[in-house]
Amino acid sequence: MPRECISVHVGQAGVQMGNTCWELYCLEHGIQPDGQMPSDKTIGGGDDSFTTFFCETGAGKHVPRAIFVDLDFGGGTGS
C-alpha cells in the first residue's frame, strides 16, 4: 500500500524552513530546481520515500507534496 505525506509550512519561519528542507530533499533525490530528474536516476529503485514525498506530473516534473502559507502581505508593523 503506497503512503503519501503532505508537509504544511505556515508563517514566515515555517516557509523559510520548508524551503530549506525541500531543497535538501531535492538534492538527496537528485531532482533539479526545475523539477526534472536526470535520466540516469531511476524512480522507485528501492526508495519508497521518493513517492511518499514527491508527485510526478504528466509533464515528467517532480513536485513536493507540500503546502506553503504566509499571510503577511507587507511585512510591515501593522499600522
C-alpha atoms as a PDB file:
ATOM      1  CA  MET A   1       0.000   0.000   0.000  1.00  0.00           C
ATOM      2  CA  PRO A   2       1.595   3.315  -1.053  1.00  0.00           C
ATOM      3  CA  ARG A   3       1.882   6.020   1.551  1.00  0.00           C
ATOM      4  CA  GLU A   4       1.897   9.743   0.976  1.00  0.00           C
ATOM      5  CA  CYS A   5       2.979  12.590   3.214  1.00  0.00           C
ATOM      6  CA  ILE A   6       1.918  16.222   2.820  1.00  0.00           C
ATOM      7  CA  SER A   7       4.012  18.883   4.533  1.00  0.00           C
ATOM      8  CA  VAL A   8       2.350  22.100   5.677  1.00  0.00           C
ATOM      9  CA  HIS A   9       4.581  25.136   6.293  1.00  0.00           C
ATOM     10  CA  VAL A  10       2.907  28.163   7.911  1.00  0.00           C
ATOM     11  CA  GLY A  11       4.206  31.677   8.542  1.00  0.00           C
ATOM     12  CA  GLN A  12       7.469  33.307   7.573  1.00  0.00           C
ATOM     13  CA  ALA A  13       9.647  30.972   9.632  1.00  0.00           C
ATOM     14  CA  GLY A  14       7.686  27.915   8.509  1.00  0.00           C
ATOM     15  CA  VAL A  15       8.029  28.846   4.849  1.00  0.00           C
ATOM     16  CA  GLN A  16      11.760  29.527   5.237  1.00  0.00           C
ATOM     17  CA  MET A  17      12.330  26.201   6.996  1.00  0.00           C
ATOM     18  CA  GLY A  18      10.149  24.409   4.454  1.00  0.00           C
ATOM     19  CA  ASN A  19      12.129  25.845   1.548  1.00  0.00           C
ATOM     20  CA  THR A  20      15.382  24.698   3.134  1.00  0.00           C
ATOM     21  CA  CYS A  21      14.035  21.209   3.841  1.00  0.00           C
ATOM     22  CA  TRP A  22      12.674  20.746   0.321  1.00  0.00           C
ATOM     23  CA  GLU A  23      15.939  21.950  -1.216  1.00  0.00           C
ATOM     24  CA  LEU A  24      17.704  19.239   0.789  1.00  0.00           C
ATOM     25  CA  TYR A  25      15.137  16.578  -0.189  1.00  0.00           C
ATOM     26  CA  CYS A  26      15.591  17.500  -3.855  1.00  0.00           C
ATOM     27  CA  LEU A  27      19.370  17.249  -3.560  1.00  0.00           C
ATOM     28  CA  GLU A  28      19.070  13.868  -1.832  1.00  0.00           C
ATOM     29  CA  HIS A  29      16.784  12.511  -4.554  1.00  0.00           C
ATOM     30  CA  GLY A  30      18.605  14.101  -7.500  1.00  0.00           C
ATOM     31  CA  ILE A  31      15.772  16.423  -8.524  1.00  0.00           C
ATOM     32  CA  GLN A  32      16.846  19.607 -10.276  1.00  0.00           C
ATOM     33  CA  PRO A  33      15.347  23.037  -9.387  1.00  0.00           C
ATOM     34  CA  ASP A  34      13.051  22.856 -12.436  1.00  0.00           C
ATOM     35  CA  GLY A  35      11.555  19.583 -11.166  1.00  0.00           C
ATOM     36  CA  GLN A  36      13.294  17.370 -13.706  1.00  0.00           C
ATOM     37  CA  MET A  37      15.202  14.255 -12.755  1.00  0.00           C
ATOM     38  CA  PRO A  38      18.268  13.259 -14.777  1.00  0.00           C
ATOM     39  CA  SER A  39      17.668  10.208 -16.952  1.00  0.00           C
ATOM     40  CA  ASP A  40      20.378   8.225 -15.149  1.00  0.00           C
ATOM     41  CA  LYS A  41      18.252   8.190 -11.979  1.00  0.00           C
ATOM     42  CA  THR A  42      15.598   5.527 -11.569  1.00  0.00           C
ATOM     43  CA  ILE A  43      12.352   6.163  -9.756  1.00  0.00           C
ATOM     44  CA  GLY A  44      11.414   3.751  -7.032  1.00  0.00           C
ATOM     45  CA  GLY A  45      14.624   1.757  -7.214  1.00  0.00           C
ATOM     46  CA  GLY A  46      14.116   0.549  -3.662  1.00  0.00           C
ATOM     47  CA  ASP A  47      13.450   4.111  -2.488  1.00  0.00           C
ATOM     48  CA  ASP A  48       9.846   4.150  -1.313  1.00  0.00           C
ATOM     49  CA  SER A  49      10.320   7.539   0.347  1.00  0.00           C
ATOM     50  CA  PHE A  50      10.538   9.159  -3.087  1.00  0.00           C
ATOM     51  CA  THR A  51       6.856   8.623  -3.911  1.00  0.00           C
ATOM     52  CA  THR A  52       5.919   9.435  -0.326  1.00  0.00           C
ATOM     53  CA  PHE A  53       7.242  12.980  -0.601  1.00  0.00           C
ATOM     54  CA  PHE A  54       7.103  13.734  -4.350  1.00  0.00           C
ATOM     55  CA  CYS A  55       4.439  13.572  -7.042  1.00  0.00           C
ATOM     56  CA  GLU A  56       5.256  13.233 -10.740  1.00  0.00           C
ATOM     57  CA  THR A  57       3.217  15.394 -13.119  1.00  0.00           C
ATOM     58  CA  GLY A  58       2.139  14.383 -16.611  1.00  0.00           C
ATOM     59  CA  ALA A  59       4.996  16.517 -17.975  1.00  0.00           C
ATOM     60  CA  GLY A  60       7.546  14.469 -16.038  1.00  0.00           C
ATOM     61  CA  LYS A  61       8.261  17.081 -13.376  1.00  0.00           C
ATOM     62  CA  HIS A  62       8.575  16.055  -9.755  1.00  0.00           C
ATOM     63  CA  VAL A  63       6.863  18.335  -7.254  1.00  0.00           C
ATOM     64  CA  PRO A  64       6.896  18.132  -3.474  1.00  0.00           C
ATOM     65  CA  ARG A  65       3.709  17.214  -1.667  1.00  0.00           C
ATOM     66  CA  ALA A  66       3.677  20.439   0.344  1.00  0.00           C
ATOM     67  CA  ILE A  67       1.604  23.494   1.182  1.00  0.00           C
ATOM     68  CA  PHE A  68       3.231  26.840   1.990  1.00  0.00           C
ATOM     69  CA  VAL A  69       1.114  29.536   3.714  1.00  0.00           C
ATOM     70  CA  ASP A  70       2.216  33.028   4.714  1.00  0.00           C
ATOM     71  CA  LEU A  71      -0.450  35.685   5.234  1.00  0.00           C
ATOM     72  CA  ASP A  72       1.910  38.592   5.964  1.00  0.00           C
ATOM     73  CA  PHE A  73       1.367  40.678   2.839  1.00  0.00           C
ATOM     74  CA  GLY A  74       3.587  43.659   3.565  1.00  0.00           C
ATOM     75  CA  GLY A  75       5.896  42.645   6.336  1.00  0.00           C
ATOM     76  CA  GLY A  76       5.136  45.986   7.957  1.00  0.00           C
ATOM     77  CA  THR A  77       4.469  46.941  11.551  1.00  0.00           C
ATOM     78  CA  GLY A  78       0.714  46.540  11.244  1.00  0.00           C
ATOM     79  CA  SER A  79      -0.150  50.234  11.088  1.00  0.00           C
END
